[in-house]
Amino acid sequence: MSITLESLPVELVTAILEELDLASLIVVSYLSRRLHSIASDRSLNPWRAPILRNLRSGVYESCFKYLSVRTTVPRQNWIEVLSIAQPHFLLFEATLPNMKEADWYECFNRRFLPGWQKWKRDLSWHETFKKLLYRVWHRSMITCTADESWTKYIVLNKNGSANELESSSRNYNPLAIFNDMKLQSNLAHLETHIRLVVQLADVRVLALGVLNSPRGAFSINRNARAFLHPPGIEMASDQPSNGGSSTATGRKSKSGYPYERLTHPLPAPSHAAYPFYTPGGEDKRWLISGTLEEEGHQWVGGLMLTAQITSPQTSMPWGDGPFLQDLDLVVGFGRSQYASFTWADLDCIAPWMKDLVTRRVDGPGLGN
């Protein structure tokens, strides 16, 4: 019995189509009625794999720009495209499809921090998405703060409370702000350590703190460690890692908190498993040397949380220090623009902190 295309199961044909690049898949999808039917099937969706390869590589095929005009491409793929693709591509190159308002709402939640919903006002979700996307692209290219005069950030205090503070966007410099915090806490003699918490499509969340070996437990900030290393989650690896470059594959939680992977907003591939550990070398929340975490030091004083707007230059190493760690995260090209990080964003990025933060204070002070 001879094997023909018609005799092959649709699952096998779909797997074969998934290996093609977009240009080839477009041609193949029109070669026969059966191929056209398989390519158009929402449940089979052979387009997803080559689309994701384009998005993750950062180099898009030329036909990707006009993919939305192809009736064989299921519309559900565009929710993923709009959630991940580069702002410049979506704004100035791609032909975007017509989608329902619910789909634009889903795209907004998958791409942007929840605190950014304040910009919706009376606009539709379609208009809000495009407005925020242009705003992010604009601010990543030039130092413009007309849309947001004040930038909010959060400080986790050592006594268990947290403050939502703000500073002028025109002069916003988290390193300078944190240096003032260290001076007030008598920690100015200690080095500032900066950690990349999670990378999203357009921003990355940074944490600025101080590591030390205190004599007593009074100055230890237990919420700082809980934020960076969620209780019960470990970085399991076959070998010790130095600088987070382990080939770890294990992800487990020993606490009773029901951790789930972050999907709204959707992390970048480098942090795809967040809040669990993501192998690959860019998830540097766990810095382990031998059997010691953070070389045996503890987080002391306050921990500052801020959102940095990213651009293509942000991912380029700067200076002689360790990559994606400490000063490399805030010094250099593409690292000077920031957006507000609010309570809503903290609850989204680290929902387990709701039970650990004892008091939330809007503005400076103790909230009395």
Protein backbone atom coordinates (compact mmCIF):
# COMPACT_ATOMS: atom_id res chain seq x y z
CA MET A 1 0.00 0.00 0.00
CA SER A 2 1.50 3.31 -1.08
CA ILE A 3 1.57 6.23 1.31
CA THR A 4 0.03 9.44 0.00
CA LEU A 5 -0.56 12.84 1.51
CA GLU A 6 -4.25 12.05 1.83
CA SER A 7 -3.50 8.93 3.88
CA LEU A 8 -1.33 10.67 6.46
CA PRO A 9 -2.99 11.66 9.77
CA VAL A 10 -3.57 15.38 10.18
CA GLU A 11 -1.39 15.45 13.32
CA LEU A 12 1.62 14.22 11.33
CA VAL A 13 1.00 16.70 8.50
CA THR A 14 0.71 19.47 11.08
CA ALA A 15 4.02 18.47 12.68
CA ILE A 16 5.68 18.61 9.26
CA LEU A 17 4.20 22.04 8.48
CA GLU A 18 5.41 23.37 11.83
CA GLU A 19 9.01 22.80 10.74
CA LEU A 20 8.67 25.16 7.77
CA ASP A 21 9.52 28.84 7.82
CA LEU A 22 6.66 31.29 7.35
CA ALA A 23 7.34 31.99 3.68
CA SER A 24 7.32 28.28 2.82
CA LEU A 25 4.24 27.61 4.95
CA ILE A 26 2.32 30.33 3.12
CA VAL A 27 3.09 28.67 -0.23
CA VAL A 28 2.38 25.14 1.01
CA SER A 29 -0.96 26.13 2.57
CA TYR A 30 -2.33 26.87 -0.93
CA LEU A 31 -1.05 23.73 -2.70
CA SER A 32 -4.11 21.57 -2.05
CA ARG A 33 -7.50 21.66 -0.39
CA ARG A 34 -6.32 19.36 2.40
CA LEU A 35 -3.25 21.45 3.19
CA HIS A 36 -5.39 24.57 3.09
CA SER A 37 -7.86 22.98 5.50
CA ILE A 38 -5.12 21.86 7.93
CA ALA A 39 -3.38 25.25 7.84
CA SER A 40 -6.67 27.03 8.54
CA ASP A 41 -7.71 24.77 11.43
CA ARG A 42 -7.67 26.65 14.75
CA SER A 43 -7.08 23.50 16.79
CA LEU A 44 -4.15 22.25 14.66
CA ASN A 45 -2.64 25.71 14.04
CA PRO A 46 0.70 24.87 12.35
CA TRP A 47 1.49 28.60 12.23
CA ARG A 48 2.24 28.92 15.93
CA ALA A 49 5.67 27.23 15.88
CA PRO A 50 7.22 29.30 13.05
CA ILE A 51 5.67 32.49 14.46
CA LEU A 52 7.24 31.81 17.86
CA ARG A 53 10.60 31.11 16.22
CA ASN A 54 10.44 34.54 14.60
CA LEU A 55 9.43 36.26 17.82
CA ARG A 56 12.12 34.59 19.94
CA SER A 57 14.91 35.14 17.44
CA GLY A 58 14.14 38.86 17.15
CA VAL A 59 14.78 38.69 13.38
CA TYR A 60 11.48 38.65 11.51
CA GLU A 61 10.86 37.26 8.04
CA SER A 62 9.66 39.88 5.56
CA CYS A 63 6.36 38.05 5.02
CA PHE A 64 5.64 38.34 8.76
CA LYS A 65 4.58 41.97 8.22
CA TYR A 66 1.57 40.99 6.11
CA LEU A 67 0.63 37.73 7.78
CA SER A 68 -2.65 39.15 9.10
CA VAL A 69 -4.11 39.42 5.58
CA ARG A 70 -3.79 35.64 5.12
CA THR A 71 -7.16 34.00 5.78
CA THR A 72 -5.40 30.69 6.50
CA VAL A 73 -3.74 32.12 9.64
CA PRO A 74 -6.02 31.74 12.70
CA ARG A 75 -6.59 35.03 14.53
CA GLN A 76 -5.57 33.53 17.88
CA ASN A 77 -1.92 33.72 16.79
CA TRP A 78 -2.07 37.49 16.88
CA ILE A 79 -2.74 37.58 20.60
CA GLU A 80 0.70 36.00 21.02
CA VAL A 81 2.29 38.29 18.43
CA LEU A 82 0.90 41.45 20.01
CA SER A 83 2.03 40.26 23.45
CA ILE A 84 5.66 39.61 22.50
CA ALA A 85 6.68 41.34 19.25
CA GLN A 86 8.99 44.37 19.18
CA PRO A 87 7.14 47.72 19.53
CA HIS A 88 8.72 49.20 16.38
CA PHE A 89 7.55 46.23 14.31
CA LEU A 90 3.96 46.46 15.55
CA LEU A 91 3.76 50.24 15.24
CA PHE A 92 5.44 50.90 11.92
CA GLU A 93 5.87 47.68 9.96
CA ALA A 94 3.18 45.09 10.61
CA THR A 95 -0.35 45.13 9.22
CA LEU A 96 -2.46 44.45 12.30
CA PRO A 97 -5.65 42.37 12.12
CA ASN A 98 -9.16 43.34 13.12
CA MET A 99 -9.85 41.76 16.51
CA LYS A 100 -12.58 41.80 19.12
CA GLU A 101 -12.34 44.17 22.07
CA ALA A 102 -11.93 41.17 24.40
CA ASP A 103 -8.86 40.09 22.41
CA TRP A 104 -7.29 43.55 22.71
CA TYR A 105 -7.97 43.43 26.47
CA GLU A 106 -6.19 40.08 26.65
CA CYS A 107 -3.24 41.48 24.67
CA PHE A 108 -3.00 44.45 27.04
CA ASN A 109 -2.93 42.25 30.14
CA ARG A 110 -0.37 39.88 28.61
CA ARG A 111 2.01 42.69 27.63
CA PHE A 112 1.77 45.53 30.16
CA LEU A 113 1.94 45.89 33.93
CA PRO A 114 -1.53 46.08 35.56
CA GLY A 115 -0.75 49.53 36.99
CA TRP A 116 -0.72 50.89 33.44
CA GLN A 117 -4.48 50.41 33.15
CA LYS A 118 -4.78 53.95 34.52
CA TRP A 119 -4.14 55.19 30.97
CA LYS A 120 -7.33 53.64 29.60
CA ARG A 121 -9.75 56.27 30.83
CA ASP A 122 -12.54 56.49 28.19
CA LEU A 123 -10.60 54.77 25.43
CA SER A 124 -11.27 51.33 24.02
CA TRP A 125 -8.78 48.56 24.78
CA HIS A 126 -7.68 48.68 21.14
CA GLU A 127 -6.83 52.39 21.44
CA THR A 128 -5.28 51.92 24.88
CA PHE A 129 -3.01 49.13 23.67
CA LYS A 130 -1.69 51.18 20.75
CA LYS A 131 -1.30 54.30 22.87
CA LEU A 132 0.72 52.47 25.53
CA LEU A 133 2.81 50.68 22.92
CA TYR A 134 3.71 53.98 21.25
CA ARG A 135 4.42 55.56 24.63
CA VAL A 136 6.80 52.76 25.58
CA TRP A 137 8.60 52.90 22.23
CA HIS A 138 8.83 56.71 22.41
CA ARG A 139 10.25 56.72 25.93
CA SER A 140 12.73 53.97 25.09
CA MET A 141 14.17 56.12 22.30
CA ILE A 142 14.35 59.59 23.89
CA THR A 143 14.26 61.11 27.38
CA CYS A 144 10.67 62.31 27.28
CA THR A 145 8.58 62.43 30.47
CA ALA A 146 5.59 64.47 29.28
CA ASP A 147 3.13 61.60 29.80
CA GLU A 148 4.27 60.76 33.32
CA SER A 149 5.64 63.57 35.46
CA TRP A 150 6.11 61.39 38.54
CA THR A 151 7.56 57.88 38.66
CA LYS A 152 6.37 55.59 41.44
CA TYR A 153 8.47 52.92 43.10
CA ILE A 154 8.11 50.61 46.10
CA VAL A 155 10.39 50.07 49.10
CA LEU A 156 10.17 46.88 51.18
CA ASN A 157 11.25 47.82 54.71
CA LYS A 158 13.04 45.56 57.16
CA ASN A 159 10.19 45.88 59.70
CA GLY A 160 7.77 44.16 57.30
CA SER A 161 6.01 47.28 56.01
CA ALA A 162 6.26 48.73 52.49
CA ASN A 163 6.01 52.25 51.05
CA GLU A 164 4.86 53.38 47.63
CA LEU A 165 6.91 56.49 46.88
CA GLU A 166 7.36 58.76 43.89
CA SER A 167 10.01 60.99 42.40
CA SER A 168 10.15 63.46 39.52
CA SER A 169 10.41 61.54 36.25
CA ARG A 170 12.69 64.16 34.74
CA ASN A 171 15.40 63.48 37.32
CA TYR A 172 14.51 59.90 38.25
CA ASN A 173 17.63 57.91 39.08
CA PRO A 174 17.02 54.81 41.22
CA LEU A 175 20.72 54.49 42.08
CA ALA A 176 20.83 58.05 43.47
CA ILE A 177 17.56 57.52 45.35
CA PHE A 178 18.81 54.31 46.89
CA ASN A 179 22.10 55.93 47.89
CA ASP A 180 20.06 58.49 49.87
CA MET A 181 18.14 55.60 51.46
CA LYS A 182 21.43 53.96 52.49
CA LEU A 183 22.68 57.21 53.98
CA GLN A 184 19.53 57.55 56.11
CA SER A 185 19.87 53.92 57.27
CA ASN A 186 23.58 54.22 58.12
CA LEU A 187 24.45 51.79 55.30
CA ALA A 188 26.30 54.21 53.01
CA HIS A 189 29.59 52.33 53.53
CA LEU A 190 28.14 49.14 51.99
CA GLU A 191 27.97 48.33 48.28
CA THR A 192 24.66 48.51 46.41
CA HIS A 193 23.58 45.24 44.81
CA ILE A 194 21.02 45.17 42.01
CA ARG A 195 19.06 42.14 40.84
CA LEU A 196 16.97 41.59 37.73
CA VAL A 197 13.71 40.17 39.05
CA VAL A 198 11.80 39.50 35.83
CA GLN A 199 12.05 40.62 32.20
CA LEU A 200 8.79 41.46 30.39
CA ALA A 201 8.16 42.54 26.80
CA ASP A 202 8.87 46.25 27.33
CA VAL A 203 10.11 46.63 30.91
CA ARG A 204 12.14 44.75 33.47
CA VAL A 205 11.66 44.86 37.22
CA LEU A 206 14.80 45.67 39.21
CA ALA A 207 15.51 45.35 42.93
CA LEU A 208 18.16 47.50 44.63
CA GLY A 209 19.43 46.43 48.04
CA VAL A 210 22.38 45.87 50.34
CA LEU A 211 24.02 42.57 51.25
CA ASN A 212 25.92 42.21 54.50
CA SER A 213 26.76 39.82 57.31
CA PRO A 214 25.00 41.50 60.26
CA ARG A 215 25.83 40.66 63.85
CA GLY A 216 22.19 40.43 64.82
CA ALA A 217 18.83 39.78 63.18
CA PHE A 218 17.47 43.30 63.74
CA SER A 219 18.74 44.74 60.44
CA ILE A 220 17.88 41.72 58.27
CA ASN A 221 15.14 42.35 55.69
CA ARG A 222 13.35 39.02 55.47
CA ASN A 223 10.79 40.34 52.96
CA ALA A 224 13.63 41.24 50.59
CA ARG A 225 14.73 37.62 50.45
CA ALA A 226 11.12 36.43 50.19
CA PHE A 227 10.54 38.73 47.21
CA LEU A 228 13.65 37.60 45.33
CA HIS A 229 13.52 33.96 46.45
CA PRO A 230 9.84 32.96 46.90
CA PRO A 231 9.49 30.80 50.03
CA GLY A 232 9.57 27.11 49.17
CA ILE A 233 10.98 27.55 45.66
CA GLU A 234 14.51 26.31 45.09
CA MET A 235 16.99 26.41 42.24
CA ALA A 236 17.66 22.68 41.85
CA SER A 237 20.72 21.88 39.78
CA ASP A 238 23.02 19.00 39.04
CA GLN A 239 26.08 21.12 39.79
CA PRO A 240 26.88 24.28 41.76
CA SER A 241 26.38 27.50 39.86
CA ASN A 242 28.34 30.72 40.01
CA GLY A 243 26.53 33.82 38.88
CA GLY A 244 23.32 31.99 38.00
CA SER A 245 24.80 30.17 35.02
CA SER A 246 23.68 26.72 36.13
CA THR A 247 21.97 24.30 33.78
CA ALA A 248 19.29 23.76 36.42
CA THR A 249 16.10 22.12 35.30
CA GLY A 250 14.31 21.41 38.58
CA ARG A 251 11.53 23.72 39.81
CA LYS A 252 9.75 22.89 43.03
CA SER A 253 7.93 24.54 45.91
CA LYS A 254 8.06 23.19 49.45
CA SER A 255 5.75 25.81 50.93
CA GLY A 256 1.99 25.69 51.05
CA TYR A 257 1.58 28.70 48.74
CA PRO A 258 0.05 27.70 45.36
CA TYR A 259 2.65 29.22 43.04
CA GLU A 260 1.76 29.51 39.35
CA ARG A 261 3.76 30.65 36.37
CA LEU A 262 3.28 34.32 35.53
CA THR A 263 1.19 34.74 32.37
CA HIS A 264 -0.33 38.23 32.74
CA PRO A 265 1.94 39.96 31.96
CA LEU A 266 3.91 37.38 30.01
CA PRO A 267 7.63 37.13 30.92
CA ALA A 268 10.34 37.11 28.28
CA PRO A 269 11.83 33.69 27.36
CA SER A 270 14.77 34.37 29.72
CA HIS A 271 12.30 34.31 32.64
CA ALA A 272 9.62 32.06 31.14
CA ALA A 273 9.19 29.96 34.30
CA TYR A 274 8.92 32.92 36.70
CA PRO A 275 8.43 32.86 39.70
CA PHE A 276 10.19 29.49 39.41
CA TYR A 277 13.81 29.40 38.32
CA THR A 278 14.40 29.62 34.55
CA PRO A 279 17.55 27.87 33.27
CA GLY A 280 19.72 29.62 30.72
CA GLY A 281 21.89 31.98 32.74
CA GLU A 282 19.76 35.17 32.73
CA ASP A 283 17.61 34.43 35.80
CA LYS A 284 20.06 35.73 38.40
CA ARG A 285 17.80 35.94 41.43
CA TRP A 286 19.69 32.94 42.81
CA LEU A 287 23.42 33.63 42.99
CA ILE A 288 25.05 30.56 44.49
CA SER A 289 28.72 29.86 45.02
CA GLY A 290 29.35 26.34 46.27
CA THR A 291 26.64 25.72 48.86
CA LEU A 292 26.30 29.36 49.95
CA GLU A 293 23.57 31.64 48.65
CA GLU A 294 24.74 35.23 48.05
CA GLU A 295 28.11 34.13 49.52
CA GLY A 296 26.44 33.72 52.90
CA HIS A 297 25.28 37.37 53.13
CA GLN A 298 21.82 38.63 54.10
CA TRP A 299 19.73 41.46 52.66
CA VAL A 300 19.73 44.35 55.14
CA GLY A 301 17.92 47.68 55.15
CA GLY A 302 15.27 48.54 52.56
CA LEU A 303 14.82 46.92 49.15
CA MET A 304 13.83 49.30 46.33
CA LEU A 305 11.67 47.98 43.47
CA THR A 306 11.43 49.85 40.17
CA ALA A 307 10.44 49.20 36.53
CA GLN A 308 12.98 50.00 33.81
CA ILE A 309 11.86 50.57 30.20
CA THR A 310 13.95 48.44 27.86
CA SER A 311 15.25 48.98 24.34
CA PRO A 312 17.52 46.95 22.00
CA GLN A 313 20.54 48.63 23.65
CA THR A 314 19.48 47.52 27.13
CA SER A 315 20.57 43.93 26.53
CA MET A 316 24.11 44.93 25.53
CA PRO A 317 26.77 44.40 28.26
CA TRP A 318 28.24 47.55 29.77
CA GLY A 319 31.52 47.88 31.62
CA ASP A 320 33.70 45.19 33.14
CA GLY A 321 31.27 44.04 35.82
CA PRO A 322 29.11 40.91 35.72
CA PHE A 323 26.44 40.87 33.00
CA LEU A 324 22.80 41.39 34.05
CA GLN A 325 23.89 42.07 37.60
CA ASP A 326 24.54 45.12 39.80
CA LEU A 327 25.70 48.25 37.88
CA ASP A 328 25.33 46.58 34.48
CA LEU A 329 21.57 46.88 34.98
CA VAL A 330 21.45 50.65 35.52
CA VAL A 331 24.58 52.14 33.94
CA GLY A 332 25.00 52.41 30.16
CA PHE A 333 22.95 53.00 27.03
CA GLY A 334 19.26 52.11 27.15
CA ARG A 335 19.12 52.06 30.94
CA SER A 336 17.97 55.56 31.86
CA GLN A 337 14.20 55.38 31.29
CA TYR A 338 11.80 54.13 33.96
CA ALA A 339 8.06 53.64 34.43
CA SER A 340 5.95 53.57 37.56
CA PHE A 341 5.87 50.41 39.67
CA THR A 342 2.78 50.40 41.93
CA TRP A 343 0.97 48.22 44.45
CA ALA A 344 -1.00 46.57 41.63
CA ASP A 345 2.25 45.64 39.91
CA LEU A 346 3.72 44.20 43.12
CA ASP A 347 0.61 42.07 43.68
CA CYS A 348 0.85 40.80 40.10
CA ILE A 349 4.59 40.10 40.04
CA ALA A 350 4.81 38.71 43.59
CA PRO A 351 1.33 37.75 44.87
CA TRP A 352 2.85 35.79 47.78
CA MET A 353 3.99 39.11 49.27
CA LYS A 354 0.38 40.03 50.12
CA ASP A 355 0.61 37.87 53.24
CA LEU A 356 4.15 38.97 54.14
CA VAL A 357 3.87 42.77 53.93
CA THR A 358 2.44 43.84 57.27
CA ARG A 359 1.49 47.40 56.32
CA ARG A 360 1.20 49.34 53.06
CA VAL A 361 1.93 53.04 53.21
CA ASP A 362 1.23 55.52 50.41
CA GLY A 363 4.05 58.03 50.60
CA PRO A 364 6.91 58.33 53.10
CA GLY A 365 6.63 57.56 56.82
CA LEU A 366 5.25 54.75 58.92
CA GLY A 367 1.60 55.26 58.03
CA ASN A 368 0.52 56.15 61.55
